[in-house]
Amino acid sequence: HARSMVPCQDTPSSKITYSAEISAPEALVVLMSALQDEAGRSLNSP
């Protein structure tokens, strides 16, 4: 089902690293299958 969320090679035969910058409503918390990384913030404004 990853292919319905991200265009990707959706096969366990291939492994990737990933990073993300997610914009969400201020009142909510975002969690991902990754480490939080404030240093990865872009210069874009939400």
PDB file of all heavy atoms in Angstrom:
ATOM      1  N   HIS A   1       0.801  -1.226   0.000  1.00  0.00           N
ATOM      2  CA  HIS A   1       0.000   0.000   0.000  1.00  0.00           C
ATOM      3  C   HIS A   1       0.831   1.273   0.000  1.00  0.00           C
ATOM      4  O   HIS A   1       0.268   2.366  -0.142  1.00  0.00           O
ATOM      5  CB  HIS A   1      -0.963  -0.009   1.189  1.00  0.00           C
ATOM      6  CG  HIS A   1      -1.895  -1.172   1.172  1.00  0.00           C
ATOM      7  ND1 HIS A   1      -2.947  -1.260   0.291  1.00  0.00           N
ATOM      8  CD2 HIS A   1      -1.912  -2.321   1.906  1.00  0.00           C
ATOM      9  CE1 HIS A   1      -3.592  -2.407   0.484  1.00  0.00           C
ATOM     10  NE2 HIS A   1      -2.971  -3.067   1.438  1.00  0.00           N
ATOM     11  N   ALA A   2       2.153   1.167   0.141  1.00  0.00           N
ATOM     12  CA  ALA A   2       2.983   2.374   0.099  1.00  0.00           C
ATOM     13  C   ALA A   2       2.797   3.096  -1.226  1.00  0.00           C
ATOM     14  O   ALA A   2       2.848   4.328  -1.293  1.00  0.00           O
ATOM     15  CB  ALA A   2       4.454   2.027   0.318  1.00  0.00           C
ATOM     16  N   ARG A   3       2.544   2.357  -2.300  1.00  0.00           N
ATOM     17  CA  ARG A   3       2.391   2.950  -3.633  1.00  0.00           C
ATOM     18  C   ARG A   3       1.163   3.858  -3.729  1.00  0.00           C
ATOM     19  O   ARG A   3       1.069   4.650  -4.664  1.00  0.00           O
ATOM     20  CB  ARG A   3       2.310   1.839  -4.683  1.00  0.00           C
ATOM     21  CG  ARG A   3       1.099   0.932  -4.559  1.00  0.00           C
ATOM     22  CD  ARG A   3       1.227  -0.334  -5.409  1.00  0.00           C
ATOM     23  NE  ARG A   3       2.289  -1.202  -4.931  1.00  0.00           N
ATOM     24  CZ  ARG A   3       2.615  -2.368  -5.511  1.00  0.00           C
ATOM     25  NH1 ARG A   3       1.941  -2.792  -6.568  1.00  0.00           N
ATOM     26  NH2 ARG A   3       3.592  -3.104  -5.023  1.00  0.00           N
ATOM     27  N   SER A   4       0.235   3.753  -2.788  1.00  0.00           N
ATOM     28  CA  SER A   4      -0.909   4.674  -2.786  1.00  0.00           C
ATOM     29  C   SER A   4      -0.607   5.945  -1.989  1.00  0.00           C
ATOM     30  O   SER A   4      -1.412   6.880  -1.990  1.00  0.00           O
ATOM     31  CB  SER A   4      -2.143   3.976  -2.201  1.00  0.00           C
ATOM     32  OG  SER A   4      -2.047   3.825  -0.791  1.00  0.00           O
ATOM     33  N   MET A   5       0.548   5.987  -1.328  1.00  0.00           N
ATOM     34  CA  MET A   5       0.950   7.138  -0.518  1.00  0.00           C
ATOM     35  C   MET A   5       2.157   7.858  -1.114  1.00  0.00           C
ATOM     36  O   MET A   5       2.293   9.077  -0.985  1.00  0.00           O
ATOM     37  CB  MET A   5       1.275   6.674   0.906  1.00  0.00           C
ATOM     38  CG  MET A   5       1.538   7.781   1.901  1.00  0.00           C
ATOM     39  SD  MET A   5       1.676   7.192   3.602  1.00  0.00           S
ATOM     40  CE  MET A   5       3.376   6.634   3.671  1.00  0.00           C
ATOM     41  N   VAL A   6       3.042   7.105  -1.780  1.00  0.00           N
ATOM     42  CA  VAL A   6       4.292   7.641  -2.319  1.00  0.00           C
ATOM     43  C   VAL A   6       4.586   6.936  -3.645  1.00  0.00           C
ATOM     44  O   VAL A   6       4.488   5.701  -3.697  1.00  0.00           O
ATOM     45  CB  VAL A   6       5.480   7.385  -1.359  1.00  0.00           C
ATOM     46  CG1 VAL A   6       6.753   8.009  -1.899  1.00  0.00           C
ATOM     47  CG2 VAL A   6       5.174   7.872   0.037  1.00  0.00           C
ATOM     48  N   PRO A   7       4.959   7.648  -4.706  1.00  0.00           N
ATOM     49  CA  PRO A   7       5.453   6.943  -5.893  1.00  0.00           C
ATOM     50  C   PRO A   7       6.813   6.326  -5.560  1.00  0.00           C
ATOM     51  O   PRO A   7       7.745   7.035  -5.194  1.00  0.00           O
ATOM     52  CB  PRO A   7       5.571   8.060  -6.941  1.00  0.00           C
ATOM     53  CG  PRO A   7       5.712   9.320  -6.151  1.00  0.00           C
ATOM     54  CD  PRO A   7       4.981   9.106  -4.857  1.00  0.00           C
ATOM     55  N   CYS A   8       6.905   5.020  -5.662  1.00  0.00           N
ATOM     56  CA  CYS A   8       8.094   4.340  -5.134  1.00  0.00           C
ATOM     57  C   CYS A   8       8.258   2.978  -5.780  1.00  0.00           C
ATOM     58  O   CYS A   8       7.395   2.522  -6.535  1.00  0.00           O
ATOM     59  CB  CYS A   8       7.975   4.174  -3.612  1.00  0.00           C
ATOM     60  SG  CYS A   8       6.560   3.156  -3.097  1.00  0.00           S
ATOM     61  N   GLN A   9       9.370   2.342  -5.488  1.00  0.00           N
ATOM     62  CA  GLN A   9       9.577   0.944  -5.859  1.00  0.00           C
ATOM     63  C   GLN A   9       9.069   0.117  -4.684  1.00  0.00           C
ATOM     64  O   GLN A   9       9.798  -0.152  -3.730  1.00  0.00           O
ATOM     65  CB  GLN A   9      11.056   0.698  -6.168  1.00  0.00           C
ATOM     66  CG  GLN A   9      11.500   1.463  -7.405  1.00  0.00           C
ATOM     67  CD  GLN A   9      12.954   1.265  -7.774  1.00  0.00           C
ATOM     68  OE1 GLN A   9      13.822   1.184  -6.902  1.00  0.00           O
ATOM     69  NE2 GLN A   9      13.244   1.213  -9.072  1.00  0.00           N
ATOM     70  N   ASP A  10       7.806  -0.263  -4.781  1.00  0.00           N
ATOM     71  CA  ASP A  10       7.096  -0.850  -3.644  1.00  0.00           C
ATOM     72  C   ASP A  10       7.313  -2.353  -3.593  1.00  0.00           C
ATOM     73  O   ASP A  10       6.391  -3.150  -3.731  1.00  0.00           O
ATOM     74  CB  ASP A  10       5.610  -0.507  -3.745  1.00  0.00           C
ATOM     75  CG  ASP A  10       4.863  -0.687  -2.429  1.00  0.00           C
ATOM     76  OD1 ASP A  10       5.530  -0.859  -1.395  1.00  0.00           O
ATOM     77  OD2 ASP A  10       3.624  -0.647  -2.447  1.00  0.00           O
ATOM     78  N   THR A  11       8.553  -2.723  -3.399  1.00  0.00           N
ATOM     79  CA  THR A  11       8.947  -4.124  -3.280  1.00  0.00           C
ATOM     80  C   THR A  11       9.938  -4.250  -2.133  1.00  0.00           C
ATOM     81  O   THR A  11      10.856  -3.413  -2.024  1.00  0.00           O
ATOM     82  CB  THR A  11       9.583  -4.654  -4.578  1.00  0.00           C
ATOM     83  OG1 THR A  11      10.212  -5.929  -4.324  1.00  0.00           O
ATOM     84  CG2 THR A  11      10.636  -3.698  -5.127  1.00  0.00           C
ATOM     85  N   PRO A  12       9.813  -5.253  -1.281  1.00  0.00           N
ATOM     86  CA  PRO A  12      10.782  -5.402  -0.186  1.00  0.00           C
ATOM     87  C   PRO A  12      12.165  -5.805  -0.661  1.00  0.00           C
ATOM     88  O   PRO A  12      13.106  -5.814   0.129  1.00  0.00           O
ATOM     89  CB  PRO A  12      10.150  -6.484   0.699  1.00  0.00           C
ATOM     90  CG  PRO A  12       9.227  -7.233  -0.192  1.00  0.00           C
ATOM     91  CD  PRO A  12       8.714  -6.234  -1.203  1.00  0.00           C
ATOM     92  N   SER A  13      12.305  -6.119  -1.949  1.00  0.00           N
ATOM     93  CA  SER A  13      13.627  -6.492  -2.472  1.00  0.00           C
ATOM     94  C   SER A  13      14.567  -5.300  -2.556  1.00  0.00           C
ATOM     95  O   SER A  13      15.774  -5.461  -2.693  1.00  0.00           O
ATOM     96  CB  SER A  13      13.487  -7.125  -3.859  1.00  0.00           C
ATOM     97  OG  SER A  13      13.016  -6.179  -4.803  1.00  0.00           O
ATOM     98  N   SER A  14      14.010  -4.083  -2.486  1.00  0.00           N
ATOM     99  CA  SER A  14      14.815  -2.868  -2.587  1.00  0.00           C
ATOM    100  C   SER A  14      14.630  -2.030  -1.344  1.00  0.00           C
ATOM    101  O   SER A  14      13.499  -1.790  -0.911  1.00  0.00           O
ATOM    102  CB  SER A  14      14.391  -2.069  -3.824  1.00  0.00           C
ATOM    103  OG  SER A  14      15.197  -0.921  -3.983  1.00  0.00           O
ATOM    104  N   LYS A  15      15.720  -1.567  -0.749  1.00  0.00           N
ATOM    105  CA  LYS A  15      15.651  -0.779   0.476  1.00  0.00           C
ATOM    106  C   LYS A  15      16.130   0.648   0.229  1.00  0.00           C
ATOM    107  O   LYS A  15      17.007   0.883  -0.609  1.00  0.00           O
ATOM    108  CB  LYS A  15      16.474  -1.435   1.593  1.00  0.00           C
ATOM    109  CG  LYS A  15      15.884  -2.753   2.090  1.00  0.00           C
ATOM    110  CD  LYS A  15      16.601  -3.255   3.331  1.00  0.00           C
ATOM    111  CE  LYS A  15      15.889  -4.444   3.936  1.00  0.00           C
ATOM    112  NZ  LYS A  15      16.496  -4.874   5.215  1.00  0.00           N
ATOM    113  N   ILE A  16      15.541   1.560   0.970  1.00  0.00           N
ATOM    114  CA  ILE A  16      15.860   2.979   0.827  1.00  0.00           C
ATOM    115  C   ILE A  16      16.091   3.603   2.203  1.00  0.00           C
ATOM    116  O   ILE A  16      15.624   3.096   3.218  1.00  0.00           O
ATOM    117  CB  ILE A  16      14.703   3.742   0.149  1.00  0.00           C
ATOM    118  CG1 ILE A  16      13.411   3.580   0.993  1.00  0.00           C
ATOM    119  CG2 ILE A  16      14.489   3.278  -1.271  1.00  0.00           C
ATOM    120  CD1 ILE A  16      12.371   4.634   0.755  1.00  0.00           C
ATOM    121  N   THR A  17      16.789   4.711   2.223  1.00  0.00           N
ATOM    122  CA  THR A  17      16.731   5.628   3.359  1.00  0.00           C
ATOM    123  C   THR A  17      15.710   6.699   2.988  1.00  0.00           C
ATOM    124  O   THR A  17      15.373   6.876   1.814  1.00  0.00           O
ATOM    125  CB  THR A  17      18.095   6.263   3.653  1.00  0.00           C
ATOM    126  OG1 THR A  17      18.571   6.892   2.453  1.00  0.00           O
ATOM    127  CG2 THR A  17      19.098   5.204   4.097  1.00  0.00           C
ATOM    128  N   TYR A  18      15.191   7.400   3.990  1.00  0.00           N
ATOM    129  CA  TYR A  18      14.264   8.477   3.637  1.00  0.00           C
ATOM    130  C   TYR A  18      14.325   9.607   4.651  1.00  0.00           C
ATOM    131  O   TYR A  18      14.818   9.448   5.772  1.00  0.00           O
ATOM    132  CB  TYR A  18      12.835   7.953   3.454  1.00  0.00           C
ATOM    133  CG  TYR A  18      11.951   7.828   4.681  1.00  0.00           C
ATOM    134  CD1 TYR A  18      11.126   8.892   5.071  1.00  0.00           C
ATOM    135  CD2 TYR A  18      11.891   6.644   5.414  1.00  0.00           C
ATOM    136  CE1 TYR A  18      10.287   8.783   6.168  1.00  0.00           C
ATOM    137  CE2 TYR A  18      11.045   6.523   6.506  1.00  0.00           C
ATOM    138  CZ  TYR A  18      10.249   7.593   6.888  1.00  0.00           C
ATOM    139  OH  TYR A  18       9.406   7.476   7.977  1.00  0.00           O
ATOM    140  N   SER A  19      13.838  10.769   4.203  1.00  0.00           N
ATOM    141  CA  SER A  19      13.700  11.935   5.060  1.00  0.00           C
ATOM    142  C   SER A  19      12.382  12.600   4.686  1.00  0.00           C
ATOM    143  O   SER A  19      11.782  12.292   3.656  1.00  0.00           O
ATOM    144  CB  SER A  19      14.883  12.897   4.877  1.00  0.00           C
ATOM    145  OG  SER A  19      15.062  13.222   3.509  1.00  0.00           O
ATOM    146  N   ALA A  20      11.920  13.495   5.539  1.00  0.00           N
ATOM    147  CA  ALA A  20      10.610  14.098   5.272  1.00  0.00           C
ATOM    148  C   ALA A  20      10.488  15.441   5.962  1.00  0.00           C
ATOM    149  O   ALA A  20      11.058  15.674   7.042  1.00  0.00           O
ATOM    150  CB  ALA A  20       9.495  13.169   5.743  1.00  0.00           C
ATOM    151  N   GLU A  21       9.730  16.319   5.315  1.00  0.00           N
ATOM    152  CA  GLU A  21       9.292  17.577   5.913  1.00  0.00           C
ATOM    153  C   GLU A  21       7.781  17.637   5.706  1.00  0.00           C
ATOM    154  O   GLU A  21       7.299  17.732   4.576  1.00  0.00           O
ATOM    155  CB  GLU A  21       9.979  18.767   5.264  1.00  0.00           C
ATOM    156  CG  GLU A  21       9.611  20.096   5.912  1.00  0.00           C
ATOM    157  CD  GLU A  21      10.398  21.267   5.331  1.00  0.00           C
ATOM    158  OE1 GLU A  21      10.121  21.638   4.171  1.00  0.00           O
ATOM    159  OE2 GLU A  21      11.283  21.787   6.031  1.00  0.00           O
ATOM    160  N   ILE A  22       7.049  17.527   6.815  1.00  0.00           N
ATOM    161  CA  ILE A  22       5.598  17.404   6.767  1.00  0.00           C
ATOM    162  C   ILE A  22       4.958  18.654   7.347  1.00  0.00           C
ATOM    163  O   ILE A  22       5.284  19.062   8.479  1.00  0.00           O
ATOM    164  CB  ILE A  22       5.119  16.167   7.555  1.00  0.00           C
ATOM    165  CG1 ILE A  22       5.885  14.914   7.124  1.00  0.00           C
ATOM    166  CG2 ILE A  22       3.613  15.977   7.406  1.00  0.00           C
ATOM    167  CD1 ILE A  22       5.678  14.500   5.695  1.00  0.00           C
ATOM    168  N   SER A  23       4.040  19.240   6.611  1.00  0.00           N
ATOM    169  CA  SER A  23       3.271  20.384   7.092  1.00  0.00           C
ATOM    170  C   SER A  23       1.912  19.887   7.573  1.00  0.00           C
ATOM    171  O   SER A  23       1.194  19.196   6.836  1.00  0.00           O
ATOM    172  CB  SER A  23       3.088  21.401   5.960  1.00  0.00           C
ATOM    173  OG  SER A  23       2.176  22.409   6.332  1.00  0.00           O
ATOM    174  N   ALA A  24       1.545  20.240   8.820  1.00  0.00           N
ATOM    175  CA  ALA A  24       0.287  19.777   9.409  1.00  0.00           C
ATOM    176  C   ALA A  24      -0.275  20.862  10.314  1.00  0.00           C
ATOM    177  O   ALA A  24       0.451  21.770  10.738  1.00  0.00           O
ATOM    178  CB  ALA A  24       0.517  18.486  10.199  1.00  0.00           C
ATOM    179  N   PRO A  25      -1.573  20.788  10.661  1.00  0.00           N
ATOM    180  CA  PRO A  25      -2.169  21.791  11.554  1.00  0.00           C
ATOM    181  C   PRO A  25      -1.380  21.945  12.851  1.00  0.00           C
ATOM    182  O   PRO A  25      -0.889  20.966  13.426  1.00  0.00           O
ATOM    183  CB  PRO A  25      -3.573  21.235  11.804  1.00  0.00           C
ATOM    184  CG  PRO A  25      -3.881  20.449  10.564  1.00  0.00           C
ATOM    185  CD  PRO A  25      -2.584  19.833  10.155  1.00  0.00           C
ATOM    186  N   GLU A  26      -1.277  23.201  13.309  1.00  0.00           N
ATOM    187  CA  GLU A  26      -0.426  23.531  14.455  1.00  0.00           C
ATOM    188  C   GLU A  26      -0.777  22.744  15.710  1.00  0.00           C
ATOM    189  O   GLU A  26       0.094  22.424  16.522  1.00  0.00           O
ATOM    190  CB  GLU A  26      -0.535  25.033  14.758  1.00  0.00           C
ATOM    191  CG  GLU A  26       0.196  25.911  13.764  1.00  0.00           C
ATOM    192  CD  GLU A  26       0.040  27.384  14.086  1.00  0.00           C
ATOM    193  OE1 GLU A  26      -1.058  27.801  14.506  1.00  0.00           O
ATOM    194  OE2 GLU A  26       1.034  28.118  13.922  1.00  0.00           O
ATOM    195  N   ALA A  27      -2.047  22.426  15.910  1.00  0.00           N
ATOM    196  CA  ALA A  27      -2.473  21.759  17.141  1.00  0.00           C
ATOM    197  C   ALA A  27      -2.106  20.281  17.185  1.00  0.00           C
ATOM    198  O   ALA A  27      -2.240  19.642  18.238  1.00  0.00           O
ATOM    199  CB  ALA A  27      -3.994  21.913  17.319  1.00  0.00           C
ATOM    200  N   LEU A  28      -1.638  19.742  16.068  1.00  0.00           N
ATOM    201  CA  LEU A  28      -1.436  18.304  15.963  1.00  0.00           C
ATOM    202  C   LEU A  28       0.047  17.935  15.981  1.00  0.00           C
ATOM    203  O   LEU A  28       0.912  18.731  15.620  1.00  0.00           O
ATOM    204  CB  LEU A  28      -2.098  17.770  14.694  1.00  0.00           C
ATOM    205  CG  LEU A  28      -3.592  18.069  14.552  1.00  0.00           C
ATOM    206  CD1 LEU A  28      -4.139  17.417  13.292  1.00  0.00           C
ATOM    207  CD2 LEU A  28      -4.366  17.623  15.786  1.00  0.00           C
ATOM    208  N   VAL A  29       0.306  16.708  16.387  1.00  0.00           N
ATOM    209  CA  VAL A  29       1.644  16.132  16.403  1.00  0.00           C
ATOM    210  C   VAL A  29       1.791  15.217  15.193  1.00  0.00           C
ATOM    211  O   VAL A  29       0.863  14.481  14.847  1.00  0.00           O
ATOM    212  CB  VAL A  29       1.872  15.326  17.703  1.00  0.00           C
ATOM    213  CG1 VAL A  29       3.183  14.541  17.639  1.00  0.00           C
ATOM    214  CG2 VAL A  29       1.856  16.254  18.915  1.00  0.00           C
ATOM    215  N   VAL A  30       2.941  15.261  14.541  1.00  0.00           N
ATOM    216  CA  VAL A  30       3.253  14.350  13.441  1.00  0.00           C
ATOM    217  C   VAL A  30       4.329  13.381  13.912  1.00  0.00           C
ATOM    218  O   VAL A  30       5.342  13.792  14.495  1.00  0.00           O
ATOM    219  CB  VAL A  30       3.746  15.113  12.200  1.00  0.00           C
ATOM    220  CG1 VAL A  30       4.109  14.138  11.078  1.00  0.00           C
ATOM    221  CG2 VAL A  30       2.689  16.100  11.716  1.00  0.00           C
ATOM    222  N   LEU A  31       4.107  12.115  13.655  1.00  0.00           N
ATOM    223  CA  LEU A  31       5.089  11.072  13.948  1.00  0.00           C
ATOM    224  C   LEU A  31       5.339  10.286  12.673  1.00  0.00           C
ATOM    225  O   LEU A  31       4.429  10.089  11.865  1.00  0.00           O
ATOM    226  CB  LEU A  31       4.582  10.135  15.044  1.00  0.00           C
ATOM    227  CG  LEU A  31       4.266  10.768  16.403  1.00  0.00           C
ATOM    228  CD1 LEU A  31       3.585   9.751  17.314  1.00  0.00           C
ATOM    229  CD2 LEU A  31       5.530  11.311  17.061  1.00  0.00           C
ATOM    230  N   MET A  32       6.583   9.824  12.493  1.00  0.00           N
ATOM    231  CA  MET A  32       6.907   8.974  11.351  1.00  0.00           C
ATOM    232  C   MET A  32       7.839   7.856  11.791  1.00  0.00           C
ATOM    233  O   MET A  32       8.386   7.887  12.896  1.00  0.00           O
ATOM    234  CB  MET A  32       7.553   9.793  10.219  1.00  0.00           C
ATOM    235  CG  MET A  32       6.613  10.806   9.579  1.00  0.00           C
ATOM    236  SD  MET A  32       7.229  11.478   8.005  1.00  0.00           S
ATOM    237  CE  MET A  32       6.881  10.104   6.888  1.00  0.00           C
ATOM    238  N   SER A  33       8.012   6.884  10.903  1.00  0.00           N
ATOM    239  CA  SER A  33       8.899   5.741  11.187  1.00  0.00           C
ATOM    240  C   SER A  33      10.344   6.166  10.967  1.00  0.00           C
ATOM    241  O   SER A  33      11.074   5.592  10.154  1.00  0.00           O
ATOM    242  CB  SER A  33       8.537   4.565  10.281  1.00  0.00           C
ATOM    243  OG  SER A  33       8.536   4.971   8.917  1.00  0.00           O
ATOM    244  N   ALA A  34      10.740   7.171  11.713  1.00  0.00           N
ATOM    245  CA  ALA A  34      12.048   7.794  11.539  1.00  0.00           C
ATOM    246  C   ALA A  34      12.358   8.616  12.781  1.00  0.00           C
ATOM    247  O   ALA A  34      11.510   8.762  13.673  1.00  0.00           O
ATOM    248  CB  ALA A  34      12.032   8.683  10.289  1.00  0.00           C
ATOM    249  N   LEU A  35      13.558   9.151  12.824  1.00  0.00           N
ATOM    250  CA  LEU A  35      13.974  10.000  13.935  1.00  0.00           C
ATOM    251  C   LEU A  35      13.566  11.444  13.656  1.00  0.00           C
ATOM    252  O   LEU A  35      13.641  11.914  12.513  1.00  0.00           O
ATOM    253  CB  LEU A  35      15.487   9.920  14.109  1.00  0.00           C
ATOM    254  CG  LEU A  35      16.058   8.521  14.373  1.00  0.00           C
ATOM    255  CD1 LEU A  35      17.581   8.552  14.275  1.00  0.00           C
ATOM    256  CD2 LEU A  35      15.618   8.009  15.741  1.00  0.00           C
ATOM    257  N   GLN A  36      13.139  12.146  14.676  1.00  0.00           N
ATOM    258  CA  GLN A  36      12.845  13.559  14.497  1.00  0.00           C
ATOM    259  C   GLN A  36      14.140  14.300  14.181  1.00  0.00           C
ATOM    260  O   GLN A  36      15.196  14.011  14.734  1.00  0.00           O
ATOM    261  CB  GLN A  36      12.163  14.117  15.740  1.00  0.00           C
ATOM    262  CG  GLN A  36      10.797  13.485  15.982  1.00  0.00           C
ATOM    263  CD  GLN A  36       9.985  14.190  17.045  1.00  0.00           C
ATOM    264  OE1 GLN A  36      10.217  15.356  17.340  1.00  0.00           O
ATOM    265  NE2 GLN A  36       9.022  13.486  17.617  1.00  0.00           N
ATOM    266  N   ASP A  37      14.048  15.279  13.268  1.00  0.00           N
ATOM    267  CA  ASP A  37      15.251  15.900  12.729  1.00  0.00           C
ATOM    268  C   ASP A  37      15.004  17.379  12.471  1.00  0.00           C
ATOM    269  O   ASP A  37      14.763  17.799  11.336  1.00  0.00           O
ATOM    270  CB  ASP A  37      15.655  15.199  11.431  1.00  0.00           C
ATOM    271  CG  ASP A  37      16.921  15.770  10.820  1.00  0.00           C
ATOM    272  OD1 ASP A  37      17.748  16.302  11.577  1.00  0.00           O
ATOM    273  OD2 ASP A  37      17.063  15.685   9.584  1.00  0.00           O
ATOM    274  N   GLU A  38      15.067  18.176  13.507  1.00  0.00           N
ATOM    275  CA  GLU A  38      14.819  19.606  13.341  1.00  0.00           C
ATOM    276  C   GLU A  38      15.883  20.264  12.474  1.00  0.00           C
ATOM    277  O   GLU A  38      15.638  21.299  11.840  1.00  0.00           O
ATOM    278  CB  GLU A  38      14.740  20.292  14.711  1.00  0.00           C
ATOM    279  CG  GLU A  38      13.476  19.919  15.496  1.00  0.00           C
ATOM    280  CD  GLU A  38      12.206  20.107  14.675  1.00  0.00           C
ATOM    281  OE1 GLU A  38      12.003  21.216  14.143  1.00  0.00           O
ATOM    282  OE2 GLU A  38      11.429  19.144  14.547  1.00  0.00           O
ATOM    283  N   ALA A  39      17.056  19.666  12.407  1.00  0.00           N
ATOM    284  CA  ALA A  39      18.120  20.232  11.565  1.00  0.00           C
ATOM    285  C   ALA A  39      17.791  20.104  10.082  1.00  0.00           C
ATOM    286  O   ALA A  39      18.401  20.771   9.246  1.00  0.00           O
ATOM    287  CB  ALA A  39      19.440  19.535  11.864  1.00  0.00           C
ATOM    288  N   GLY A  40      16.822  19.246   9.756  1.00  0.00           N
ATOM    289  CA  GLY A  40      16.466  19.044   8.356  1.00  0.00           C
ATOM    290  C   GLY A  40      15.445  20.024   7.828  1.00  0.00           C
ATOM    291  O   GLY A  40      14.986  19.892   6.689  1.00  0.00           O
ATOM    292  N   ARG A  41      15.076  21.032   8.614  1.00  0.00           N
ATOM    293  CA  ARG A  41      14.056  21.980   8.186  1.00  0.00           C
ATOM    294  C   ARG A  41      14.553  22.835   7.015  1.00  0.00           C
ATOM    295  O   ARG A  41      15.675  23.323   6.996  1.00  0.00           O
ATOM    296  CB  ARG A  41      13.678  22.874   9.361  1.00  0.00           C
ATOM    297  CG  ARG A  41      12.494  23.792   9.074  1.00  0.00           C
ATOM    298  CD  ARG A  41      12.115  24.608  10.292  1.00  0.00           C
ATOM    299  NE  ARG A  41      11.878  23.771  11.462  1.00  0.00           N
ATOM    300  CZ  ARG A  41      10.784  23.058  11.677  1.00  0.00           C
ATOM    301  NH1 ARG A  41       9.830  23.062  10.749  1.00  0.00           N
ATOM    302  NH2 ARG A  41      10.647  22.336  12.759  1.00  0.00           N
ATOM    303  N   SER A  42      13.675  23.036   6.032  1.00  0.00           N
ATOM    304  CA  SER A  42      14.017  23.872   4.882  1.00  0.00           C
ATOM    305  C   SER A  42      13.781  25.344   5.216  1.00  0.00           C
ATOM    306  O   SER A  42      13.311  25.689   6.298  1.00  0.00           O
ATOM    307  CB  SER A  42      13.150  23.481   3.681  1.00  0.00           C
ATOM    308  OG  SER A  42      11.805  23.901   3.898  1.00  0.00           O
ATOM    309  N   LEU A  43      14.091  26.205   4.260  1.00  0.00           N
ATOM    310  CA  LEU A  43      13.872  27.639   4.447  1.00  0.00           C
ATOM    311  C   LEU A  43      12.447  28.051   4.077  1.00  0.00           C
ATOM    312  O   LEU A  43      12.077  29.209   4.218  1.00  0.00           O
ATOM    313  CB  LEU A  43      14.877  28.433   3.598  1.00  0.00           C
ATOM    314  CG  LEU A  43      16.350  28.219   3.963  1.00  0.00           C
ATOM    315  CD1 LEU A  43      17.239  29.012   3.009  1.00  0.00           C
ATOM    316  CD2 LEU A  43      16.622  28.623   5.408  1.00  0.00           C
ATOM    317  N   ASN A  44      11.648  27.078   3.612  1.00  0.00           N
ATOM    318  CA  ASN A  44      10.269  27.385   3.241  1.00  0.00           C
ATOM    319  C   ASN A  44       9.448  27.742   4.473  1.00  0.00           C
ATOM    320  O   ASN A  44       9.731  27.284   5.582  1.00  0.00           O
ATOM    321  CB  ASN A  44       9.620  26.201   2.525  1.00  0.00           C
ATOM    322  CG  ASN A  44      10.340  25.862   1.229  1.00  0.00           C
ATOM    323  OD1 ASN A  44      10.846  26.754   0.567  1.00  0.00           O
ATOM    324  ND2 ASN A  44      10.380  24.587   0.880  1.00  0.00           N
ATOM    325  N   SER A  45       8.417  28.516   4.269  1.00  0.00           N
ATOM    326  CA  SER A  45       7.498  28.864   5.361  1.00  0.00           C
ATOM    327  C   SER A  45       6.239  28.021   5.243  1.00  0.00           C
ATOM    328  O   SER A  45       5.695  27.865   4.142  1.00  0.00           O
ATOM    329  CB  SER A  45       7.121  30.347   5.308  1.00  0.00           C
ATOM    330  OG  SER A  45       8.267  31.158   5.460  1.00  0.00           O
ATOM    331  N   PRO A  46       5.765  27.452   6.360  1.00  0.00           N
ATOM    332  CA  PRO A  46       4.515  26.684   6.283  1.00  0.00           C
ATOM    333  C   PRO A  46       3.337  27.611   6.016  1.00  0.00           C
ATOM    334  O   PRO A  46       3.392  28.814   6.304  1.00  0.00           O
ATOM    335  CB  PRO A  46       4.421  26.050   7.669  1.00  0.00           C
ATOM    336  CG  PRO A  46       5.189  26.968   8.565  1.00  0.00           C
ATOM    337  CD  PRO A  46       6.301  27.523   7.721  1.00  0.00           C
TER     338      PRO A  46
END
